[in-house]
Amino acid sequence: MAAQSTALVINLDQLGKDDIEMVGGKNASLGEMISHLSDLGVSVPGGFATTSNAFNRF
């Protein structure tokens, strides 16, 4: 999924395992869960992740 590399905040539904370095493992895993489990009826809470760019910038 590799979300935008310059973004400061990204919705969880746009994240995946390729985004671990940018948003951390837990946020990337939530993105994977939303992508793969929502169609199966599993409820995964929505949300957003702040990126390492946000940390470095502020």
N, C-alpha and C. Protein backbone atom coordinates (compact mmCIF):
# COMPACT_ATOMS: atom_id res chain seq x y z
N MET A 1 0.81 -1.19 0.00
CA MET A 1 0.00 0.00 0.00
C MET A 1 0.85 1.26 0.00
N ALA A 2 1.94 1.23 0.67
CA ALA A 2 2.91 2.33 0.68
C ALA A 2 2.27 3.70 0.50
N ALA A 3 1.81 4.25 1.59
CA ALA A 3 1.16 5.56 1.58
C ALA A 3 2.16 6.66 1.22
N GLN A 4 1.65 7.86 1.06
CA GLN A 4 2.48 9.00 0.66
C GLN A 4 3.63 9.21 1.64
N SER A 5 4.83 9.38 1.10
CA SER A 5 6.02 9.48 1.95
C SER A 5 6.20 10.86 2.57
N THR A 6 5.47 11.87 2.11
CA THR A 6 5.60 13.21 2.68
C THR A 6 4.45 13.58 3.61
N ALA A 7 3.47 12.71 3.74
CA ALA A 7 2.30 13.01 4.55
C ALA A 7 2.66 13.07 6.04
N LEU A 8 1.91 13.88 6.78
CA LEU A 8 2.09 13.97 8.22
C LEU A 8 1.10 13.08 8.96
N VAL A 9 -0.09 12.91 8.38
CA VAL A 9 -1.15 12.09 8.96
C VAL A 9 -1.76 11.27 7.83
N ILE A 10 -2.04 10.00 8.09
CA ILE A 10 -2.62 9.12 7.08
C ILE A 10 -3.73 8.29 7.72
N ASN A 11 -4.86 8.16 7.02
CA ASN A 11 -5.94 7.31 7.50
C ASN A 11 -5.48 5.86 7.56
N LEU A 12 -5.94 5.14 8.57
CA LEU A 12 -5.52 3.74 8.74
C LEU A 12 -5.91 2.88 7.55
N ASP A 13 -7.02 3.19 6.90
CA ASP A 13 -7.45 2.35 5.78
C ASP A 13 -6.56 2.52 4.54
N GLN A 14 -5.62 3.42 4.59
CA GLN A 14 -4.68 3.61 3.49
C GLN A 14 -3.31 2.99 3.79
N LEU A 15 -3.19 2.34 4.93
CA LEU A 15 -1.90 1.78 5.35
C LEU A 15 -1.83 0.28 5.16
N GLY A 16 -0.62 -0.21 5.08
CA GLY A 16 -0.38 -1.65 4.99
C GLY A 16 1.01 -1.98 5.49
N LYS A 17 1.39 -3.22 5.31
CA LYS A 17 2.66 -3.71 5.85
C LYS A 17 3.87 -2.99 5.26
N ASP A 18 3.73 -2.39 4.09
CA ASP A 18 4.85 -1.66 3.49
C ASP A 18 5.10 -0.30 4.14
N ASP A 19 4.23 0.10 5.07
CA ASP A 19 4.33 1.41 5.70
C ASP A 19 4.89 1.38 7.11
N ILE A 20 5.46 0.26 7.52
CA ILE A 20 5.94 0.09 8.90
C ILE A 20 6.95 1.17 9.28
N GLU A 21 7.90 1.45 8.42
CA GLU A 21 8.93 2.45 8.76
C GLU A 21 8.34 3.84 8.93
N MET A 22 7.25 4.13 8.25
CA MET A 22 6.66 5.46 8.29
C MET A 22 5.68 5.65 9.46
N VAL A 23 4.94 4.58 9.84
CA VAL A 23 3.91 4.74 10.86
C VAL A 23 4.02 3.74 12.01
N GLY A 24 4.99 2.84 11.95
CA GLY A 24 5.15 1.86 13.01
C GLY A 24 4.35 0.59 12.74
N GLY A 25 4.72 -0.44 13.43
CA GLY A 25 4.11 -1.75 13.22
C GLY A 25 2.65 -1.84 13.60
N LYS A 26 2.27 -1.24 14.70
CA LYS A 26 0.89 -1.35 15.16
C LYS A 26 -0.07 -0.66 14.19
N ASN A 27 0.28 0.54 13.74
CA ASN A 27 -0.58 1.25 12.80
C ASN A 27 -0.64 0.53 11.45
N ALA A 28 0.50 0.04 10.98
CA ALA A 28 0.51 -0.69 9.72
C ALA A 28 -0.33 -1.96 9.83
N SER A 29 -0.27 -2.63 10.96
CA SER A 29 -1.07 -3.84 11.17
C SER A 29 -2.56 -3.52 11.21
N LEU A 30 -2.93 -2.41 11.83
CA LEU A 30 -4.34 -2.02 11.81
C LEU A 30 -4.81 -1.76 10.39
N GLY A 31 -3.97 -1.14 9.57
CA GLY A 31 -4.31 -0.93 8.17
C GLY A 31 -4.52 -2.24 7.43
N GLU A 32 -3.65 -3.21 7.70
CA GLU A 32 -3.79 -4.54 7.09
C GLU A 32 -5.09 -5.19 7.54
N MET A 33 -5.40 -5.09 8.82
CA MET A 33 -6.63 -5.69 9.34
C MET A 33 -7.85 -5.07 8.69
N ILE A 34 -7.87 -3.75 8.55
CA ILE A 34 -9.01 -3.08 7.91
C ILE A 34 -9.15 -3.58 6.47
N SER A 35 -8.04 -3.68 5.76
CA SER A 35 -8.07 -4.10 4.35
C SER A 35 -8.57 -5.53 4.17
N HIS A 36 -8.15 -6.42 5.06
CA HIS A 36 -8.42 -7.84 4.85
C HIS A 36 -9.62 -8.38 5.63
N LEU A 37 -9.97 -7.76 6.73
CA LEU A 37 -11.01 -8.33 7.57
C LEU A 37 -12.37 -7.64 7.47
N SER A 38 -12.39 -6.42 6.98
CA SER A 38 -13.66 -5.69 6.89
C SER A 38 -14.66 -6.42 5.99
N ASP A 39 -14.18 -6.97 4.89
CA ASP A 39 -15.07 -7.70 3.98
C ASP A 39 -15.62 -8.97 4.60
N LEU A 40 -14.97 -9.46 5.63
CA LEU A 40 -15.42 -10.68 6.31
C LEU A 40 -16.36 -10.37 7.48
N GLY A 41 -16.67 -9.08 7.67
CA GLY A 41 -17.58 -8.69 8.73
C GLY A 41 -16.91 -8.41 10.07
N VAL A 42 -15.60 -8.44 10.12
CA VAL A 42 -14.88 -8.15 11.35
C VAL A 42 -14.79 -6.63 11.49
N SER A 43 -15.20 -6.13 12.63
CA SER A 43 -15.20 -4.69 12.86
C SER A 43 -13.84 -4.24 13.40
N VAL A 44 -13.19 -3.40 12.64
CA VAL A 44 -11.91 -2.83 13.04
C VAL A 44 -12.10 -1.32 13.12
N PRO A 45 -11.76 -0.70 14.25
CA PRO A 45 -12.01 0.74 14.38
C PRO A 45 -11.18 1.54 13.38
N GLY A 46 -11.79 2.58 12.83
CA GLY A 46 -11.08 3.48 11.94
C GLY A 46 -10.21 4.43 12.74
N GLY A 47 -9.44 5.19 12.06
CA GLY A 47 -8.58 6.15 12.74
C GLY A 47 -7.52 6.67 11.81
N PHE A 48 -6.49 7.24 12.39
CA PHE A 48 -5.39 7.79 11.60
C PHE A 48 -4.09 7.56 12.34
N ALA A 49 -3.01 7.70 11.60
CA ALA A 49 -1.67 7.54 12.17
C ALA A 49 -0.86 8.78 11.86
N THR A 50 -0.10 9.24 12.83
CA THR A 50 0.88 10.27 12.54
C THR A 50 2.13 9.58 12.03
N THR A 51 2.81 10.21 11.10
CA THR A 51 3.96 9.59 10.46
C THR A 51 5.28 10.02 11.09
N SER A 52 6.33 9.33 10.71
CA SER A 52 7.65 9.73 11.17
C SER A 52 8.02 11.11 10.62
N ASN A 53 7.45 11.50 9.47
CA ASN A 53 7.65 12.86 8.96
C ASN A 53 7.10 13.90 9.92
N ALA A 54 5.93 13.62 10.50
CA ALA A 54 5.34 14.54 11.48
C ALA A 54 6.25 14.67 12.69
N PHE A 55 6.76 13.55 13.17
CA PHE A 55 7.68 13.58 14.31
C PHE A 55 8.91 14.41 13.99
N ASN A 56 9.52 14.16 12.85
CA ASN A 56 10.74 14.87 12.47
C ASN A 56 10.50 16.36 12.23
N ARG A 57 9.34 16.68 11.72
CA ARG A 57 9.04 18.09 11.40
C ARG A 57 8.74 18.91 12.64
N PHE A 58 8.06 18.30 13.62
CA PHE A 58 7.67 19.06 14.81
C PHE A 58 8.46 18.62 16.01
